[in-house]
Amino acid sequence: MNTYAPPYDSPIEDPFAWAFAKHLDPTYDLLKQVEVDTFVGGFRLDFLAVSSRQKVALECDGKEFHNYIRDMFRDSIIIGCTDIDSIYRFGGRDIWYHLDDALYTLTTREPELFSGRGRCNLKQLAAPGTRIYDGTEFLINQGTSELPPLWIRALRRNHPNPVWKRLFDYASAHRNLSLDEIIQRSEEEGLKWFTD
């Protein structure tokens, strides 16, 4: 029951859905514009890949519509309040100009999302000689001399250094506040995301 057919909320979602869906493992359904509820309100995910094993959200970020800190808190709260395992954010530049490289980068972290043929095809389509770095909250495809690096923001429930958990715990302690008020308070208090 794949429901990834257009129309979408933004123009960058169309090429992303088309490319992602053709490489997707057939045990997954790709849902679009999925509503989720949290203690700070409801949010809509661009895409959600769902199987009996996991749920992975995929966000397509046009630069003018997104704020890094707000997105980090939002995604952390979504992971903490739902059964979604991971949320990946792809920048508009990467979707428009080197989507195959972006999807190949994702195959290195979430291979089960892709069919065997899809993983093989994406490896062939990706720029040769790329190196992938799996950081705390980023997957980085370091690119080549012809292509700039990709930065894919990634929050994963089972990451060994779960940044999302620190942000979720902070937000949970301030459930009486709105998301904007939680963010403002975290900035005033100098919340450290990466401390162990």
N, C-alpha and C. Protein backbone atom coordinates (compact mmCIF):
# COMPACT_ATOMS: atom_id res chain seq x y z
N MET A 1 0.83 -1.19 0.00
CA MET A 1 0.00 0.00 0.00
C MET A 1 0.87 1.25 0.00
N ASN A 2 1.75 1.42 -0.93
CA ASN A 2 2.56 2.63 -1.01
C ASN A 2 1.67 3.80 -1.37
N THR A 3 1.82 4.89 -0.64
CA THR A 3 0.98 6.07 -0.87
C THR A 3 1.84 7.29 -1.16
N TYR A 4 2.86 7.10 -1.95
CA TYR A 4 3.81 8.19 -2.19
C TYR A 4 3.49 8.99 -3.45
N ALA A 5 2.31 8.82 -4.02
CA ALA A 5 1.96 9.54 -5.24
C ALA A 5 1.77 11.03 -4.94
N PRO A 6 2.13 11.90 -5.90
CA PRO A 6 1.91 13.33 -5.73
C PRO A 6 0.43 13.63 -5.56
N PRO A 7 0.02 14.79 -5.12
CA PRO A 7 0.85 15.97 -4.87
C PRO A 7 1.48 15.97 -3.47
N TYR A 8 2.51 16.80 -3.33
CA TYR A 8 3.22 16.93 -2.07
C TYR A 8 3.14 18.38 -1.60
N ASP A 9 3.60 18.58 -0.36
CA ASP A 9 3.56 19.93 0.20
C ASP A 9 4.65 20.84 -0.33
N SER A 10 5.74 20.28 -0.81
CA SER A 10 6.82 21.12 -1.33
C SER A 10 7.40 20.48 -2.59
N PRO A 11 7.98 21.29 -3.48
CA PRO A 11 8.49 20.75 -4.74
C PRO A 11 9.65 19.78 -4.58
N ILE A 12 10.42 19.85 -3.50
CA ILE A 12 11.55 18.93 -3.35
C ILE A 12 11.11 17.53 -2.93
N GLU A 13 9.87 17.39 -2.46
CA GLU A 13 9.39 16.08 -2.04
C GLU A 13 9.14 15.15 -3.23
N ASP A 14 8.78 15.70 -4.38
CA ASP A 14 8.46 14.87 -5.55
C ASP A 14 9.67 14.08 -6.04
N PRO A 15 10.82 14.72 -6.34
CA PRO A 15 11.97 13.91 -6.78
C PRO A 15 12.46 12.96 -5.69
N PHE A 16 12.37 13.39 -4.43
CA PHE A 16 12.81 12.53 -3.34
C PHE A 16 11.95 11.27 -3.29
N ALA A 17 10.63 11.43 -3.30
CA ALA A 17 9.72 10.27 -3.20
C ALA A 17 9.91 9.33 -4.38
N TRP A 18 10.04 9.88 -5.57
CA TRP A 18 10.18 9.05 -6.76
C TRP A 18 11.46 8.21 -6.67
N ALA A 19 12.58 8.86 -6.33
CA ALA A 19 13.85 8.15 -6.26
C ALA A 19 13.89 7.16 -5.10
N PHE A 20 13.42 7.58 -3.94
CA PHE A 20 13.46 6.71 -2.77
C PHE A 20 12.57 5.49 -2.98
N ALA A 21 11.36 5.70 -3.48
CA ALA A 21 10.40 4.60 -3.64
C ALA A 21 10.90 3.53 -4.61
N LYS A 22 11.62 3.92 -5.64
CA LYS A 22 12.07 2.91 -6.59
C LYS A 22 13.18 2.04 -6.04
N HIS A 23 13.85 2.47 -4.96
CA HIS A 23 14.91 1.67 -4.34
C HIS A 23 14.46 1.02 -3.03
N LEU A 24 13.25 1.31 -2.59
CA LEU A 24 12.73 0.86 -1.31
C LEU A 24 12.53 -0.66 -1.30
N ASP A 25 12.86 -1.27 -0.18
CA ASP A 25 12.58 -2.70 -0.01
C ASP A 25 11.07 -2.92 -0.06
N PRO A 26 10.60 -3.97 -0.75
CA PRO A 26 9.16 -4.18 -0.91
C PRO A 26 8.42 -4.49 0.39
N THR A 27 9.12 -4.78 1.48
CA THR A 27 8.44 -5.02 2.75
C THR A 27 8.04 -3.72 3.44
N TYR A 28 8.43 -2.58 2.89
CA TYR A 28 8.10 -1.28 3.46
C TYR A 28 7.00 -0.61 2.68
N ASP A 29 6.17 0.13 3.39
CA ASP A 29 5.23 1.07 2.78
C ASP A 29 5.80 2.46 2.99
N LEU A 30 5.69 3.30 1.99
CA LEU A 30 6.13 4.68 2.10
C LEU A 30 4.89 5.56 2.18
N LEU A 31 4.67 6.12 3.35
CA LEU A 31 3.50 6.97 3.60
C LEU A 31 3.92 8.42 3.53
N LYS A 32 3.02 9.27 3.06
CA LYS A 32 3.34 10.70 2.97
C LYS A 32 2.46 11.50 3.92
N GLN A 33 3.00 12.62 4.37
CA GLN A 33 2.28 13.57 5.21
C GLN A 33 1.60 12.87 6.39
N VAL A 34 2.41 12.24 7.22
CA VAL A 34 1.92 11.46 8.35
C VAL A 34 1.84 12.36 9.59
N GLU A 35 0.66 12.41 10.19
CA GLU A 35 0.44 13.20 11.40
C GLU A 35 0.87 12.40 12.62
N VAL A 36 1.60 13.07 13.53
CA VAL A 36 1.99 12.46 14.81
C VAL A 36 1.63 13.42 15.93
N ASP A 37 1.22 12.87 17.06
CA ASP A 37 0.87 13.68 18.23
C ASP A 37 1.95 13.56 19.28
N THR A 38 2.23 14.68 19.95
CA THR A 38 3.19 14.72 21.04
C THR A 38 2.63 15.61 22.14
N PHE A 39 3.32 15.72 23.25
CA PHE A 39 2.85 16.55 24.36
C PHE A 39 2.96 18.05 24.07
N VAL A 40 3.66 18.45 23.00
CA VAL A 40 3.70 19.86 22.62
C VAL A 40 2.82 20.14 21.40
N GLY A 41 2.06 19.15 20.96
CA GLY A 41 1.17 19.34 19.82
C GLY A 41 1.46 18.33 18.72
N GLY A 42 0.74 18.51 17.61
CA GLY A 42 0.87 17.61 16.48
C GLY A 42 1.88 18.12 15.47
N PHE A 43 2.50 17.19 14.76
CA PHE A 43 3.45 17.50 13.70
C PHE A 43 3.13 16.62 12.50
N ARG A 44 3.58 17.06 11.34
CA ARG A 44 3.40 16.26 10.13
C ARG A 44 4.77 15.92 9.56
N LEU A 45 4.99 14.62 9.36
CA LEU A 45 6.22 14.12 8.76
C LEU A 45 6.06 14.08 7.25
N ASP A 46 7.10 14.45 6.51
CA ASP A 46 7.02 14.39 5.05
C ASP A 46 6.76 12.97 4.58
N PHE A 47 7.58 12.03 5.05
CA PHE A 47 7.44 10.62 4.66
C PHE A 47 7.74 9.74 5.86
N LEU A 48 7.10 8.57 5.87
CA LEU A 48 7.37 7.57 6.89
C LEU A 48 7.44 6.22 6.20
N ALA A 49 8.62 5.59 6.28
CA ALA A 49 8.80 4.23 5.74
C ALA A 49 8.49 3.26 6.87
N VAL A 50 7.51 2.38 6.63
CA VAL A 50 6.98 1.52 7.68
C VAL A 50 7.07 0.07 7.26
N SER A 51 7.61 -0.76 8.15
CA SER A 51 7.57 -2.22 7.98
C SER A 51 7.21 -2.82 9.33
N SER A 52 7.13 -4.13 9.40
CA SER A 52 6.86 -4.79 10.68
C SER A 52 8.06 -4.67 11.62
N ARG A 53 9.22 -4.30 11.09
CA ARG A 53 10.45 -4.22 11.89
C ARG A 53 10.77 -2.82 12.40
N GLN A 54 10.42 -1.80 11.63
CA GLN A 54 10.79 -0.45 12.06
C GLN A 54 10.00 0.61 11.31
N LYS A 55 10.13 1.84 11.84
CA LYS A 55 9.54 3.02 11.22
C LYS A 55 10.63 4.08 11.11
N VAL A 56 10.83 4.58 9.89
CA VAL A 56 11.86 5.58 9.65
C VAL A 56 11.22 6.79 8.97
N ALA A 57 11.35 7.95 9.60
CA ALA A 57 10.82 9.19 9.04
C ALA A 57 11.88 9.85 8.17
N LEU A 58 11.43 10.48 7.09
CA LEU A 58 12.31 11.15 6.14
C LEU A 58 11.75 12.54 5.89
N GLU A 59 12.57 13.55 6.16
CA GLU A 59 12.16 14.93 6.01
C GLU A 59 12.97 15.59 4.90
N CYS A 60 12.29 16.38 4.07
CA CYS A 60 12.92 17.11 2.97
C CYS A 60 12.91 18.58 3.32
N ASP A 61 14.08 19.13 3.61
CA ASP A 61 14.18 20.48 4.14
C ASP A 61 14.57 21.51 3.09
N GLY A 62 13.61 22.34 2.72
CA GLY A 62 13.94 23.55 1.99
C GLY A 62 14.48 24.54 3.00
N LYS A 63 15.60 25.15 2.74
CA LYS A 63 16.32 25.97 3.72
C LYS A 63 15.45 27.05 4.36
N GLU A 64 14.58 27.67 3.57
CA GLU A 64 13.81 28.81 4.07
C GLU A 64 12.74 28.40 5.08
N PHE A 65 12.44 27.12 5.20
CA PHE A 65 11.34 26.71 6.07
C PHE A 65 11.80 26.04 7.36
N HIS A 66 13.10 25.96 7.60
CA HIS A 66 13.55 25.17 8.74
C HIS A 66 14.54 25.91 9.62
N ASN A 67 14.42 25.64 10.92
CA ASN A 67 15.29 26.18 11.94
C ASN A 67 15.94 25.00 12.65
N TYR A 68 17.26 24.97 12.67
CA TYR A 68 18.01 23.82 13.18
C TYR A 68 17.59 23.43 14.59
N ILE A 69 17.59 24.37 15.52
CA ILE A 69 17.28 24.05 16.91
C ILE A 69 15.84 23.57 17.05
N ARG A 70 14.93 24.23 16.38
CA ARG A 70 13.52 23.82 16.44
C ARG A 70 13.35 22.41 15.87
N ASP A 71 13.99 22.14 14.73
CA ASP A 71 13.90 20.81 14.14
C ASP A 71 14.47 19.74 15.07
N MET A 72 15.59 20.04 15.74
CA MET A 72 16.19 19.07 16.66
C MET A 72 15.25 18.74 17.82
N PHE A 73 14.66 19.78 18.42
CA PHE A 73 13.72 19.54 19.51
C PHE A 73 12.49 18.80 19.00
N ARG A 74 11.93 19.25 17.88
CA ARG A 74 10.74 18.63 17.30
C ARG A 74 10.98 17.14 17.06
N ASP A 75 12.07 16.82 16.38
CA ASP A 75 12.36 15.43 16.04
C ASP A 75 12.63 14.60 17.28
N SER A 76 13.30 15.18 18.27
CA SER A 76 13.58 14.46 19.52
C SER A 76 12.29 14.14 20.26
N ILE A 77 11.37 15.09 20.28
CA ILE A 77 10.09 14.88 20.94
C ILE A 77 9.28 13.82 20.18
N ILE A 78 9.32 13.85 18.87
CA ILE A 78 8.61 12.84 18.08
C ILE A 78 9.15 11.44 18.38
N ILE A 79 10.47 11.29 18.39
CA ILE A 79 11.04 9.97 18.69
C ILE A 79 10.65 9.52 20.09
N GLY A 80 10.69 10.45 21.06
CA GLY A 80 10.36 10.10 22.44
C GLY A 80 8.90 9.77 22.67
N CYS A 81 8.00 10.33 21.87
CA CYS A 81 6.56 10.15 22.08
C CYS A 81 5.92 9.11 21.17
N THR A 82 6.67 8.57 20.22
CA THR A 82 6.09 7.64 19.25
C THR A 82 6.97 6.39 19.15
N ASP A 83 6.57 5.50 18.26
CA ASP A 83 7.38 4.31 18.00
C ASP A 83 8.25 4.45 16.76
N ILE A 84 8.50 5.69 16.34
CA ILE A 84 9.39 5.94 15.21
C ILE A 84 10.83 5.74 15.67
N ASP A 85 11.59 4.98 14.88
CA ASP A 85 12.95 4.62 15.27
C ASP A 85 14.00 5.66 14.91
N SER A 86 13.81 6.34 13.76
CA SER A 86 14.81 7.29 13.28
C SER A 86 14.13 8.37 12.47
N ILE A 87 14.77 9.54 12.45
CA ILE A 87 14.32 10.63 11.59
C ILE A 87 15.56 11.16 10.87
N TYR A 88 15.47 11.20 9.54
CA TYR A 88 16.56 11.70 8.70
C TYR A 88 16.08 12.94 7.97
N ARG A 89 16.93 13.96 7.93
CA ARG A 89 16.61 15.21 7.24
C ARG A 89 17.60 15.43 6.10
N PHE A 90 17.04 15.62 4.90
CA PHE A 90 17.81 15.85 3.68
C PHE A 90 17.62 17.30 3.25
N GLY A 91 18.71 17.98 2.97
CA GLY A 91 18.63 19.36 2.51
C GLY A 91 18.17 19.45 1.06
N GLY A 92 17.52 20.55 0.73
CA GLY A 92 17.02 20.75 -0.63
C GLY A 92 18.11 20.71 -1.68
N ARG A 93 19.26 21.29 -1.38
CA ARG A 93 20.39 21.29 -2.33
C ARG A 93 20.81 19.86 -2.67
N ASP A 94 20.85 19.02 -1.64
CA ASP A 94 21.26 17.63 -1.85
C ASP A 94 20.21 16.85 -2.63
N ILE A 95 18.95 17.15 -2.39
CA ILE A 95 17.88 16.48 -3.13
C ILE A 95 17.90 16.91 -4.60
N TRP A 96 18.07 18.19 -4.85
CA TRP A 96 18.05 18.67 -6.24
C TRP A 96 19.28 18.25 -7.02
N TYR A 97 20.45 18.30 -6.38
CA TYR A 97 21.68 18.18 -7.16
C TYR A 97 22.42 16.85 -7.03
N HIS A 98 22.25 16.11 -5.96
CA HIS A 98 22.89 14.79 -5.89
C HIS A 98 22.13 13.86 -4.97
N LEU A 99 20.91 13.58 -5.39
CA LEU A 99 20.02 12.71 -4.63
C LEU A 99 20.54 11.28 -4.55
N ASP A 100 21.13 10.78 -5.62
CA ASP A 100 21.67 9.42 -5.57
C ASP A 100 22.75 9.29 -4.50
N ASP A 101 23.60 10.30 -4.36
CA ASP A 101 24.62 10.28 -3.31
C ASP A 101 23.97 10.32 -1.93
N ALA A 102 22.92 11.12 -1.78
CA ALA A 102 22.24 11.22 -0.49
C ALA A 102 21.60 9.88 -0.13
N LEU A 103 20.92 9.25 -1.08
CA LEU A 103 20.30 7.96 -0.79
C LEU A 103 21.34 6.87 -0.55
N TYR A 104 22.43 6.91 -1.31
CA TYR A 104 23.50 5.95 -1.06
C TYR A 104 24.04 6.11 0.37
N THR A 105 24.21 7.35 0.80
CA THR A 105 24.67 7.61 2.16
C THR A 105 23.71 6.98 3.16
N LEU A 106 22.41 7.11 2.92
CA LEU A 106 21.43 6.51 3.82
C LEU A 106 21.53 4.99 3.83
N THR A 107 21.87 4.37 2.70
CA THR A 107 21.99 2.90 2.67
C THR A 107 23.07 2.40 3.61
N THR A 108 24.07 3.23 3.90
CA THR A 108 25.14 2.80 4.78
C THR A 108 24.68 2.73 6.23
N ARG A 109 23.63 3.46 6.58
CA ARG A 109 23.11 3.45 7.95
C ARG A 109 21.85 2.61 8.08
N GLU A 110 21.01 2.60 7.06
CA GLU A 110 19.72 1.90 7.09
C GLU A 110 19.60 0.96 5.89
N PRO A 111 20.48 -0.02 5.76
CA PRO A 111 20.44 -0.88 4.57
C PRO A 111 19.13 -1.64 4.40
N GLU A 112 18.48 -1.96 5.51
CA GLU A 112 17.24 -2.73 5.42
C GLU A 112 16.09 -1.96 4.77
N LEU A 113 16.21 -0.63 4.68
CA LEU A 113 15.19 0.17 4.00
C LEU A 113 15.16 -0.09 2.49
N PHE A 114 16.27 -0.55 1.98
CA PHE A 114 16.44 -0.64 0.53
C PHE A 114 16.46 -2.09 0.08
N SER A 115 15.95 -2.32 -1.12
CA SER A 115 16.06 -3.66 -1.70
C SER A 115 17.53 -3.93 -2.01
N GLY A 116 17.87 -5.20 -2.17
CA GLY A 116 19.25 -5.53 -2.54
C GLY A 116 19.63 -4.86 -3.84
N ARG A 117 18.73 -4.90 -4.80
CA ARG A 117 18.99 -4.25 -6.09
C ARG A 117 19.10 -2.73 -5.92
N GLY A 118 18.26 -2.17 -5.05
CA GLY A 118 18.32 -0.72 -4.80
C GLY A 118 19.65 -0.30 -4.21
N ARG A 119 20.15 -1.08 -3.23
CA ARG A 119 21.47 -0.76 -2.64
C ARG A 119 22.56 -0.84 -3.70
N CYS A 120 22.51 -1.88 -4.51
CA CYS A 120 23.52 -2.06 -5.57
C CYS A 120 23.45 -0.91 -6.58
N ASN A 121 22.24 -0.57 -7.01
CA ASN A 121 22.08 0.53 -7.98
C ASN A 121 22.56 1.86 -7.42
N LEU A 122 22.21 2.14 -6.16
CA LEU A 122 22.63 3.42 -5.57
C LEU A 122 24.14 3.49 -5.41
N LYS A 123 24.76 2.36 -5.08
CA LYS A 123 26.23 2.35 -4.99
C LYS A 123 26.85 2.68 -6.34
N GLN A 124 26.25 2.15 -7.40
CA GLN A 124 26.76 2.42 -8.76
C GLN A 124 26.48 3.86 -9.19
N LEU A 125 25.34 4.41 -8.77
CA LEU A 125 24.96 5.77 -9.17
C LEU A 125 25.69 6.85 -8.38
N ALA A 126 26.11 6.52 -7.17
CA ALA A 126 26.79 7.51 -6.32
C ALA A 126 28.15 7.86 -6.90
N ALA A 127 28.59 9.05 -6.58
CA ALA A 127 29.90 9.50 -7.05
C ALA A 127 30.98 8.56 -6.52
N PRO A 128 31.92 8.15 -7.34
CA PRO A 128 32.97 7.24 -6.87
C PRO A 128 33.89 7.91 -5.85
N GLY A 129 34.41 7.10 -4.96
CA GLY A 129 35.40 7.59 -4.01
C GLY A 129 34.83 8.35 -2.83
N THR A 130 33.53 8.29 -2.59
CA THR A 130 32.98 9.01 -1.45
C THR A 130 33.24 8.23 -0.17
N ARG A 131 33.39 8.95 0.93
CA ARG A 131 33.58 8.35 2.24
C ARG A 131 32.44 8.82 3.14
N ILE A 132 31.91 7.90 3.95
CA ILE A 132 30.78 8.21 4.81
C ILE A 132 31.26 8.28 6.25
N TYR A 133 30.88 9.33 6.93
CA TYR A 133 31.17 9.50 8.36
C TYR A 133 29.84 9.43 9.11
N ASP A 134 29.76 8.59 10.14
CA ASP A 134 28.54 8.45 10.93
C ASP A 134 28.78 9.12 12.28
N GLY A 135 28.34 10.37 12.38
CA GLY A 135 28.56 11.13 13.60
C GLY A 135 27.38 11.05 14.55
N THR A 136 27.44 11.84 15.60
CA THR A 136 26.42 11.82 16.63
C THR A 136 25.04 12.15 16.08
N GLU A 137 24.95 13.17 15.27
CA GLU A 137 23.65 13.55 14.72
C GLU A 137 23.69 13.79 13.22
N PHE A 138 24.77 13.40 12.59
CA PHE A 138 24.89 13.60 11.15
C PHE A 138 25.43 12.35 10.48
N LEU A 139 24.96 12.09 9.28
CA LEU A 139 25.65 11.21 8.36
C LEU A 139 26.29 12.14 7.36
N ILE A 140 27.56 12.02 7.13
CA ILE A 140 28.24 12.93 6.22
C ILE A 140 28.86 12.13 5.09
N ASN A 141 28.46 12.47 3.89
CA ASN A 141 29.11 11.94 2.70
C ASN A 141 30.13 13.00 2.33
N GLN A 142 31.40 12.68 2.45
CA GLN A 142 32.43 13.69 2.32
C GLN A 142 32.68 14.13 0.88
N GLY A 143 31.89 13.59 -0.04
CA GLY A 143 31.93 14.08 -1.41
C GLY A 143 33.21 13.72 -2.14
N THR A 144 33.39 14.40 -3.25
CA THR A 144 34.56 14.20 -4.10
C THR A 144 35.07 15.59 -4.50
N SER A 145 36.09 15.62 -5.34
CA SER A 145 36.59 16.92 -5.79
C SER A 145 35.55 17.65 -6.63
N GLU A 146 34.60 16.90 -7.23
CA GLU A 146 33.57 17.53 -8.06
C GLU A 146 32.31 17.88 -7.28
N LEU A 147 32.07 17.21 -6.14
CA LEU A 147 30.84 17.40 -5.39
C LEU A 147 31.13 17.86 -3.97
N PRO A 148 30.33 18.81 -3.47
CA PRO A 148 30.50 19.20 -2.07
C PRO A 148 29.99 18.10 -1.15
N PRO A 149 30.36 18.14 0.13
CA PRO A 149 29.87 17.12 1.05
C PRO A 149 28.36 17.24 1.28
N LEU A 150 27.75 16.12 1.65
CA LEU A 150 26.35 16.07 2.06
C LEU A 150 26.30 16.05 3.57
N TRP A 151 25.32 16.70 4.14
CA TRP A 151 25.08 16.64 5.57
C TRP A 151 23.65 16.18 5.75
N ILE A 152 23.47 14.96 6.23
CA ILE A 152 22.14 14.42 6.48
C ILE A 152 21.96 14.37 7.99
N ARG A 153 21.05 15.17 8.50
CA ARG A 153 20.81 15.14 9.94
C ARG A 153 20.09 13.85 10.29
N ALA A 154 20.53 13.22 11.37
CA ALA A 154 20.00 11.92 11.74
C ALA A 154 19.82 11.83 13.24
N LEU A 155 18.61 11.55 13.67
CA LEU A 155 18.35 11.23 15.06
C LEU A 155 17.84 9.79 15.08
N ARG A 156 18.53 8.95 15.85
CA ARG A 156 18.21 7.53 15.86
C ARG A 156 18.01 7.06 17.30
N ARG A 157 16.90 6.41 17.53
CA ARG A 157 16.56 5.94 18.88
C ARG A 157 17.70 5.13 19.49
N ASN A 158 18.32 4.27 18.73
CA ASN A 158 19.32 3.35 19.27
C ASN A 158 20.76 3.81 19.05
N HIS A 159 20.98 5.08 18.80
CA HIS A 159 22.35 5.57 18.62
C HIS A 159 23.08 5.50 19.96
N PRO A 160 24.37 5.12 19.97
CA PRO A 160 25.10 5.01 21.23
C PRO A 160 25.26 6.33 21.98
N ASN A 161 25.15 7.46 21.30
CA ASN A 161 25.22 8.78 21.94
C ASN A 161 23.94 9.53 21.58
N PRO A 162 22.82 9.21 22.23
CA PRO A 162 21.51 9.70 21.78
C PRO A 162 21.23 11.17 22.13
N VAL A 163 21.59 12.05 21.22
CA VAL A 163 21.30 13.47 21.40
C VAL A 163 19.81 13.67 21.61
N TRP A 164 18.99 12.93 20.86
CA TRP A 164 17.54 13.10 20.96
C TRP A 164 17.06 12.89 22.39
N LYS A 165 17.68 11.96 23.11
CA LYS A 165 17.23 11.64 24.47
C LYS A 165 17.46 12.82 25.40
N ARG A 166 18.58 13.51 25.26
CA ARG A 166 18.84 14.69 26.10
C ARG A 166 17.80 15.78 25.83
N LEU A 167 17.51 16.00 24.57
CA LEU A 167 16.53 17.03 24.23
C LEU A 167 15.12 16.62 24.65
N PHE A 168 14.77 15.36 24.46
CA PHE A 168 13.46 14.87 24.88
C PHE A 168 13.29 14.97 26.39
N ASP A 169 14.30 14.55 27.16
CA ASP A 169 14.22 14.63 28.62
C ASP A 169 14.06 16.07 29.07
N TYR A 170 14.79 16.99 28.43
CA TYR A 170 14.66 18.40 28.78
C TYR A 170 13.24 18.88 28.48
N ALA A 171 12.74 18.59 27.30
CA ALA A 171 11.38 19.01 26.93
C ALA A 171 10.34 18.38 27.84
N SER A 172 10.53 17.11 28.20
CA SER A 172 9.58 16.41 29.09
C SER A 172 9.49 17.08 30.45
N ALA A 173 10.61 17.60 30.91
CA ALA A 173 10.64 18.28 32.21
C ALA A 173 9.92 19.63 32.17
N HIS A 174 9.59 20.09 30.96
CA HIS A 174 8.92 21.38 30.78
C HIS A 174 7.64 21.21 29.96
N ARG A 175 6.89 20.17 30.25
CA ARG A 175 5.69 19.84 29.47
C ARG A 175 4.63 20.94 29.50
N ASN A 176 4.67 21.80 30.49
CA ASN A 176 3.68 22.87 30.59
C ASN A 176 3.97 24.02 29.62
N LEU A 177 5.09 23.96 28.90
CA LEU A 177 5.49 25.02 27.97
C LEU A 177 5.22 24.59 26.53
N SER A 178 5.11 25.58 25.66
CA SER A 178 5.02 25.29 24.22
C SER A 178 6.41 24.95 23.69
N LEU A 179 6.49 24.45 22.48
CA LEU A 179 7.79 24.12 21.89
C LEU A 179 8.67 25.36 21.83
N ASP A 180 8.12 26.49 21.40
CA ASP A 180 8.91 27.72 21.33
C ASP A 180 9.41 28.15 22.71
N GLU A 181 8.58 27.98 23.73
CA GLU A 181 9.00 28.34 25.09
C GLU A 181 10.07 27.39 25.60
N ILE A 182 9.96 26.10 25.26
CA ILE A 182 10.99 25.13 25.65
C ILE A 182 12.33 25.50 25.02
N ILE A 183 12.31 25.85 23.75
CA ILE A 183 13.54 26.23 23.05
C ILE A 183 14.14 27.49 23.68
N GLN A 184 13.30 28.48 23.94
CA GLN A 184 13.79 29.72 24.55
C GLN A 184 14.42 29.45 25.91
N ARG A 185 13.76 28.64 26.73
CA ARG A 185 14.30 28.33 28.05
C ARG A 185 15.62 27.58 27.93
N SER A 186 15.70 26.63 26.99
CA SER A 186 16.95 25.86 26.82
C SER A 186 18.11 26.78 26.45
N GLU A 187 17.83 27.79 25.63
CA GLU A 187 18.88 28.75 25.24
C GLU A 187 19.27 29.62 26.43
N GLU A 188 18.28 30.05 27.20
CA GLU A 188 18.57 30.87 28.39
C GLU A 188 19.39 30.10 29.42
N GLU A 189 19.11 28.81 29.56
CA GLU A 189 19.80 27.98 30.54
C GLU A 189 21.11 27.38 30.01
N GLY A 190 21.38 27.58 28.72
CA GLY A 190 22.62 27.06 28.13
C GLY A 190 22.67 25.55 28.10
N LEU A 191 21.58 24.91 27.68
CA LEU A 191 21.51 23.46 27.63
C LEU A 191 22.65 22.90 26.77
N LYS A 192 23.37 21.94 27.29
CA LYS A 192 24.46 21.27 26.58
C LYS A 192 23.94 19.97 26.00
N TRP A 193 23.87 19.89 24.68
CA TRP A 193 23.31 18.71 24.02
C TRP A 193 24.26 17.54 24.03
N PHE A 194 25.55 17.81 23.97
CA PHE A 194 26.51 16.74 23.69
C PHE A 194 27.31 16.31 24.91
N THR A 195 26.93 16.74 26.09
CA THR A 195 27.66 16.31 27.28
C THR A 195 27.24 14.88 27.63
N ASP A 196 28.18 14.09 28.13
CA ASP A 196 27.88 12.70 28.51
C ASP A 196 27.37 12.63 29.93
